[in-house]
């Protein structure tokens, strides 16, 4: 999970939903991170789509999601990486259902 990050990084307190991509909530300013045990990095592409998120706990990445979209902006692929580095890959059809 040390791959170089692409996109604009923003910081968030939490997320909502169970459907992917997750929706990050309660944006934080960088100067608000110093006293936080847990927060999220959200990386956004030039179209404002969330392409990567990282759950940070005590300065370590606990979970990471990587999202890829098709040419129409629908989620096409999600990689979910757990704390042990295990990767789960989900691919979606045009209806947003897992293939």
Protein backbone atom coordinates (compact mmCIF):
# COMPACT_ATOMS: atom_id res chain seq x y z
CA UNK A 1 0.00 0.00 0.00
CA UNK A 2 2.93 2.32 -0.55
CA UNK A 3 2.23 3.00 -4.23
CA UNK A 4 2.41 6.67 -5.23
CA UNK A 5 -0.95 8.39 -4.86
CA UNK A 6 -2.53 10.14 -7.82
CA UNK A 7 -5.23 12.75 -7.68
CA UNK A 8 -6.11 15.49 -5.24
CA UNK A 9 -5.94 14.39 -1.62
CA UNK A 10 -8.58 15.55 0.86
CA UNK A 11 -9.17 14.43 4.45
CA UNK A 12 -12.37 13.18 6.05
CA UNK A 13 -13.63 12.06 9.43
CA UNK A 14 -15.91 9.22 8.29
CA UNK A 15 -17.91 7.68 5.44
CA UNK A 16 -21.46 6.59 4.75
CA UNK A 17 -23.09 3.78 2.83
CA UNK A 18 -22.30 0.21 1.95
CA UNK A 19 -22.53 0.61 -1.82
CA UNK A 20 -19.27 1.34 -3.60
CA UNK A 21 -17.71 3.78 -4.05
CA UNK A 22 -18.02 4.83 -0.42
CA UNK A 23 -19.04 8.43 0.26
CA UNK A 24 -16.60 10.29 2.49
CA UNK A 25 -18.13 12.75 4.99
CA UNK A 26 -17.09 15.58 7.30
CA UNK A 27 -14.10 17.03 5.48
CA UNK A 28 -11.14 18.01 7.66
CA UNK A 29 -8.46 20.61 7.08
CA UNK A 30 -4.84 19.37 7.21
CA UNK A 31 -4.25 21.23 10.48
CA UNK A 32 -7.08 19.23 12.09
CA UNK A 33 -5.31 15.89 11.61
CA UNK A 34 -2.76 16.17 14.41
CA UNK A 35 -5.15 15.09 17.18
CA UNK A 36 -7.01 12.46 15.17
CA UNK A 37 -6.50 8.77 15.80
CA UNK A 38 -8.65 7.75 12.84
CA UNK A 39 -9.43 9.59 9.60
CA UNK A 40 -9.62 8.97 5.85
CA UNK A 41 -7.48 10.13 2.94
CA UNK A 42 -9.65 10.58 -0.15
CA UNK A 43 -7.98 10.94 -3.56
CA UNK A 44 -10.09 12.50 -6.33
CA UNK A 45 -9.46 12.62 -10.07
CA UNK A 46 -9.89 15.67 -12.31
CA UNK A 47 -13.60 14.88 -12.68
CA UNK A 48 -14.16 14.87 -8.93
CA UNK A 49 -14.54 11.10 -8.66
CA UNK A 50 -13.14 9.26 -5.66
CA UNK A 51 -10.40 7.02 -7.05
CA UNK A 52 -8.73 5.93 -3.83
CA UNK A 53 -9.38 6.09 -0.12
CA UNK A 54 -7.29 5.06 2.83
CA UNK A 55 -8.46 4.58 6.39
CA UNK A 56 -5.69 5.84 8.64
CA UNK A 57 -5.46 4.58 12.23
CA UNK A 58 -2.56 5.70 14.45
CA UNK A 59 -0.69 6.83 11.33
CA UNK A 60 -0.95 3.44 9.59
CA UNK A 61 -3.13 2.41 6.65
CA UNK A 62 -5.77 0.02 7.98
CA UNK A 63 -7.82 -0.31 4.79
CA UNK A 64 -7.61 0.96 1.22
CA UNK A 65 -10.07 1.10 -1.66
CA UNK A 66 -9.06 1.77 -5.28
CA UNK A 67 -11.79 2.59 -7.79
CA UNK A 68 -11.81 2.55 -11.60
CA UNK A 69 -14.63 4.01 -13.68
CA UNK A 70 -15.76 3.36 -17.25
CA UNK A 71 -15.99 6.03 -19.93
CA UNK A 72 -19.48 7.02 -18.75
CA UNK A 73 -18.38 7.47 -15.14
CA UNK A 74 -19.88 4.26 -13.73
CA UNK A 75 -17.85 2.25 -11.27
CA UNK A 76 -16.18 -0.56 -13.21
CA UNK A 77 -13.73 -2.08 -10.72
CA UNK A 78 -12.95 -1.84 -7.00
CA UNK A 79 -9.93 -3.20 -5.19
CA UNK A 80 -10.27 -3.50 -1.43
CA UNK A 81 -7.03 -4.00 0.46
CA UNK A 82 -7.15 -4.99 4.12
CA UNK A 83 -4.59 -4.35 6.86
CA UNK A 84 -2.75 -7.58 6.00
CA UNK A 85 -2.40 -6.59 2.33
CA UNK A 86 -5.02 -9.08 1.14
CA UNK A 87 -6.74 -7.77 -1.99
CA UNK A 88 -10.38 -8.37 -2.92
CA UNK A 89 -11.30 -7.36 -6.47
CA UNK A 90 -14.88 -6.59 -7.49
CA UNK A 91 -15.90 -5.94 -11.09
CA UNK A 92 -19.22 -4.30 -11.93
CA UNK A 93 -21.53 -4.51 -14.94
CA UNK A 94 -23.36 -1.56 -16.56
CA UNK A 95 -26.15 -1.90 -13.96
CA UNK A 96 -23.75 -1.52 -11.04
CA UNK A 97 -24.00 -5.19 -10.10
CA UNK A 98 -21.00 -7.33 -9.20
CA UNK A 99 -20.12 -9.62 -12.10
